[in-house]
N, C-alpha and C. Protein backbone atom coordinates (compact mmCIF):
# COMPACT_ATOMS: atom_id res chain seq x y z
N MET A 1 -11.86 8.75 -8.89
CA MET A 1 -12.39 8.20 -7.69
C MET A 1 -11.34 8.15 -6.64
N LYS A 2 -11.73 8.36 -5.42
CA LYS A 2 -10.78 8.31 -4.30
C LYS A 2 -11.07 7.08 -3.47
N LEU A 3 -9.99 6.33 -3.15
CA LEU A 3 -10.10 5.14 -2.34
C LEU A 3 -9.19 5.24 -1.15
N LEU A 4 -9.64 4.79 -0.03
CA LEU A 4 -8.92 4.86 1.23
C LEU A 4 -8.31 3.50 1.53
N VAL A 5 -7.02 3.39 1.53
CA VAL A 5 -6.32 2.14 1.85
C VAL A 5 -6.18 2.11 3.39
N THR A 6 -6.80 1.07 3.98
CA THR A 6 -6.78 0.96 5.46
C THR A 6 -5.77 -0.07 5.96
N GLN A 7 -5.50 -1.08 5.15
CA GLN A 7 -4.45 -2.09 5.55
C GLN A 7 -3.80 -2.56 4.26
N ILE A 8 -2.50 -2.86 4.38
CA ILE A 8 -1.77 -3.37 3.22
C ILE A 8 -0.62 -4.25 3.67
N GLU A 9 -0.36 -5.28 2.90
CA GLU A 9 0.79 -6.16 3.15
C GLU A 9 1.54 -6.32 1.85
N PHE A 10 2.83 -6.09 1.90
CA PHE A 10 3.66 -6.18 0.72
C PHE A 10 4.35 -7.55 0.64
N ASP A 11 4.65 -7.97 -0.56
CA ASP A 11 5.39 -9.21 -0.77
C ASP A 11 6.94 -8.87 -0.74
N LEU A 12 7.47 -8.94 0.41
CA LEU A 12 8.83 -8.52 0.64
C LEU A 12 9.86 -9.60 0.34
N ASP A 13 9.42 -10.76 0.00
CA ASP A 13 10.30 -11.86 -0.41
C ASP A 13 10.50 -11.80 -1.90
N ASP A 14 11.68 -11.43 -2.34
CA ASP A 14 11.94 -11.23 -3.79
C ASP A 14 12.24 -12.57 -4.47
N GLY A 15 12.29 -13.67 -3.74
CA GLY A 15 12.49 -14.96 -4.32
C GLY A 15 13.96 -15.26 -4.64
N ASN A 16 14.84 -14.37 -4.39
CA ASN A 16 16.25 -14.61 -4.65
C ASN A 16 16.98 -14.71 -3.32
N ASP A 17 17.12 -15.98 -2.85
CA ASP A 17 17.77 -16.18 -1.51
C ASP A 17 19.23 -15.86 -1.49
N ASP A 18 19.92 -15.95 -2.63
CA ASP A 18 21.37 -15.74 -2.61
C ASP A 18 21.74 -14.29 -2.33
N VAL A 19 21.11 -13.39 -3.00
CA VAL A 19 21.40 -11.97 -2.87
C VAL A 19 20.17 -11.17 -2.57
N SER A 20 19.51 -11.48 -1.47
CA SER A 20 18.27 -10.76 -1.20
C SER A 20 18.54 -9.61 -0.24
N TYR A 21 17.79 -8.57 -0.42
CA TYR A 21 17.90 -7.39 0.42
C TYR A 21 16.76 -7.47 1.42
N LYS A 22 17.10 -7.54 2.69
CA LYS A 22 16.05 -7.57 3.75
C LYS A 22 15.83 -6.20 4.32
N LEU A 23 14.56 -5.81 4.25
CA LEU A 23 14.22 -4.50 4.83
C LEU A 23 14.25 -4.53 6.33
N THR A 24 14.66 -3.45 6.95
CA THR A 24 14.65 -3.34 8.41
C THR A 24 13.19 -3.15 8.80
N PHE A 25 12.91 -3.29 10.09
CA PHE A 25 11.56 -3.10 10.64
C PHE A 25 11.09 -1.69 10.34
N ASP A 26 11.97 -0.70 10.54
CA ASP A 26 11.63 0.69 10.31
C ASP A 26 11.32 0.95 8.84
N GLU A 27 12.04 0.31 7.95
CA GLU A 27 11.79 0.47 6.50
C GLU A 27 10.45 -0.15 6.15
N GLU A 28 10.10 -1.28 6.73
CA GLU A 28 8.79 -1.89 6.46
C GLU A 28 7.64 -1.02 6.94
N ILE A 29 7.81 -0.41 8.11
CA ILE A 29 6.77 0.47 8.67
C ILE A 29 6.66 1.72 7.77
N ALA A 30 7.76 2.25 7.31
CA ALA A 30 7.70 3.46 6.43
C ALA A 30 7.06 3.07 5.09
N LEU A 31 7.31 1.93 4.59
CA LEU A 31 6.69 1.46 3.36
C LEU A 31 5.17 1.38 3.52
N GLN A 32 4.72 0.82 4.63
CA GLN A 32 3.27 0.71 4.90
C GLN A 32 2.66 2.12 5.09
N ASP A 33 3.37 2.96 5.81
CA ASP A 33 2.86 4.30 6.02
C ASP A 33 2.70 5.08 4.73
N THR A 34 3.59 4.81 3.77
CA THR A 34 3.48 5.46 2.48
C THR A 34 2.25 5.07 1.76
N ALA A 35 1.89 3.77 1.90
CA ALA A 35 0.75 3.25 1.12
C ALA A 35 -0.60 3.48 1.77
N LEU A 36 -0.66 3.65 3.08
CA LEU A 36 -1.93 3.86 3.72
C LEU A 36 -2.46 5.26 3.47
N GLY A 37 -3.73 5.40 3.30
CA GLY A 37 -4.34 6.74 3.07
C GLY A 37 -5.15 6.76 1.80
N ILE A 38 -5.40 7.94 1.33
CA ILE A 38 -6.24 8.17 0.20
C ILE A 38 -5.46 8.16 -1.09
N TRP A 39 -5.94 7.38 -2.06
CA TRP A 39 -5.31 7.27 -3.39
C TRP A 39 -6.38 7.67 -4.42
N GLU A 40 -6.04 8.51 -5.36
CA GLU A 40 -6.94 8.90 -6.43
C GLU A 40 -6.60 8.08 -7.69
N VAL A 41 -7.60 7.29 -8.13
CA VAL A 41 -7.42 6.45 -9.27
C VAL A 41 -8.69 6.53 -10.18
N ASP A 42 -8.54 6.05 -11.38
CA ASP A 42 -9.67 6.08 -12.33
C ASP A 42 -10.69 4.96 -12.01
N ASN A 43 -10.15 3.79 -11.53
CA ASN A 43 -11.05 2.72 -11.17
C ASN A 43 -10.32 1.83 -10.13
N GLU A 44 -11.08 0.91 -9.53
CA GLU A 44 -10.48 0.07 -8.45
C GLU A 44 -9.36 -0.80 -8.94
N ASP A 45 -9.45 -1.27 -10.21
CA ASP A 45 -8.37 -2.11 -10.74
C ASP A 45 -7.00 -1.41 -10.79
N GLU A 46 -7.05 -0.10 -10.88
CA GLU A 46 -5.79 0.67 -11.01
C GLU A 46 -5.08 0.86 -9.68
N LEU A 47 -5.79 0.65 -8.58
CA LEU A 47 -5.22 0.93 -7.26
C LEU A 47 -3.99 0.14 -6.93
N VAL A 48 -4.01 -1.14 -7.14
CA VAL A 48 -2.86 -2.03 -6.78
C VAL A 48 -1.65 -1.63 -7.67
N ASP A 49 -1.89 -1.44 -8.94
CA ASP A 49 -0.78 -1.04 -9.85
C ASP A 49 -0.17 0.30 -9.45
N LYS A 50 -0.99 1.26 -9.11
CA LYS A 50 -0.51 2.58 -8.75
C LYS A 50 0.34 2.55 -7.50
N ILE A 51 -0.13 1.77 -6.48
CA ILE A 51 0.63 1.69 -5.22
C ILE A 51 1.94 0.94 -5.48
N SER A 52 1.91 -0.15 -6.21
CA SER A 52 3.10 -0.92 -6.54
C SER A 52 4.12 -0.11 -7.28
N ASP A 53 3.66 0.68 -8.24
CA ASP A 53 4.59 1.50 -9.03
C ASP A 53 5.19 2.60 -8.16
N THR A 54 4.39 3.09 -7.19
CA THR A 54 4.88 4.17 -6.36
C THR A 54 5.91 3.73 -5.31
N VAL A 55 5.66 2.58 -4.68
CA VAL A 55 6.57 2.13 -3.62
C VAL A 55 7.60 1.11 -4.08
N GLY A 56 7.37 0.49 -5.22
CA GLY A 56 8.38 -0.42 -5.79
C GLY A 56 8.29 -1.85 -5.28
N TRP A 57 7.22 -2.23 -4.61
CA TRP A 57 7.04 -3.62 -4.12
C TRP A 57 5.65 -4.11 -4.54
N CYS A 58 5.55 -5.44 -4.77
CA CYS A 58 4.28 -6.03 -5.10
C CYS A 58 3.40 -6.12 -3.84
N ILE A 59 2.11 -6.13 -4.03
CA ILE A 59 1.21 -6.16 -2.92
C ILE A 59 0.67 -7.60 -2.77
N LYS A 60 0.72 -8.09 -1.51
CA LYS A 60 0.22 -9.41 -1.18
C LYS A 60 -1.25 -9.34 -0.76
N LYS A 61 -1.59 -8.35 0.01
CA LYS A 61 -2.96 -8.19 0.52
C LYS A 61 -3.26 -6.73 0.73
N ILE A 62 -4.50 -6.29 0.38
CA ILE A 62 -4.88 -4.92 0.53
C ILE A 62 -6.35 -4.83 0.95
N ASP A 63 -6.64 -3.94 1.88
CA ASP A 63 -8.01 -3.61 2.27
C ASP A 63 -8.21 -2.12 2.00
N TYR A 64 -9.32 -1.81 1.33
CA TYR A 64 -9.60 -0.41 1.04
C TYR A 64 -11.12 -0.23 0.96
N THR A 65 -11.51 1.04 1.04
CA THR A 65 -12.91 1.43 0.91
C THR A 65 -13.00 2.74 0.17
N SER A 66 -14.18 3.05 -0.26
CA SER A 66 -14.38 4.36 -0.90
C SER A 66 -14.17 5.43 0.19
N ASN A 67 -13.94 6.62 -0.14
CA ASN A 67 -13.68 7.65 0.81
C ASN A 67 -14.90 8.07 1.56
N LEU A 68 -15.25 7.27 2.59
CA LEU A 68 -16.41 7.55 3.41
C LEU A 68 -15.89 8.04 4.74
N LEU A 69 -16.85 8.33 5.62
CA LEU A 69 -16.40 8.68 7.00
C LEU A 69 -15.62 7.52 7.63
N HIS A 70 -14.51 7.78 8.10
CA HIS A 70 -13.62 6.73 8.61
C HIS A 70 -12.75 7.37 9.66
N PRO A 71 -12.30 6.65 10.68
CA PRO A 71 -11.44 7.27 11.71
C PRO A 71 -10.21 7.95 11.15
N LEU A 72 -9.62 7.41 10.07
CA LEU A 72 -8.42 7.99 9.48
C LEU A 72 -8.70 9.30 8.77
N THR A 73 -9.91 9.51 8.33
CA THR A 73 -10.22 10.71 7.49
C THR A 73 -11.40 11.46 8.07
N SER A 74 -11.76 11.30 9.28
CA SER A 74 -12.95 11.97 9.82
C SER A 74 -12.81 13.46 9.89
N TYR A 75 -11.61 13.97 9.81
CA TYR A 75 -11.43 15.42 9.86
C TYR A 75 -11.56 16.08 8.49
N LEU A 76 -11.61 15.31 7.41
CA LEU A 76 -11.71 15.91 6.08
C LEU A 76 -13.09 16.41 5.76
């Protein structure tokens, strides 16, 4: 099944205040750009795990839909 991720927010606070790595604004945008779009998964439960495994950050919030007509994919 193909799912279209339209919005995503990552948990960028690793909880370690002493030695935390802070992403730059450009890195945060690149991270979101990587996650937005069409993902092919076996079921909806697999989507969050697949994105987290790919980008290396936990997901705080995600909005997605099945691959229907949408402004991001209207050319497909």
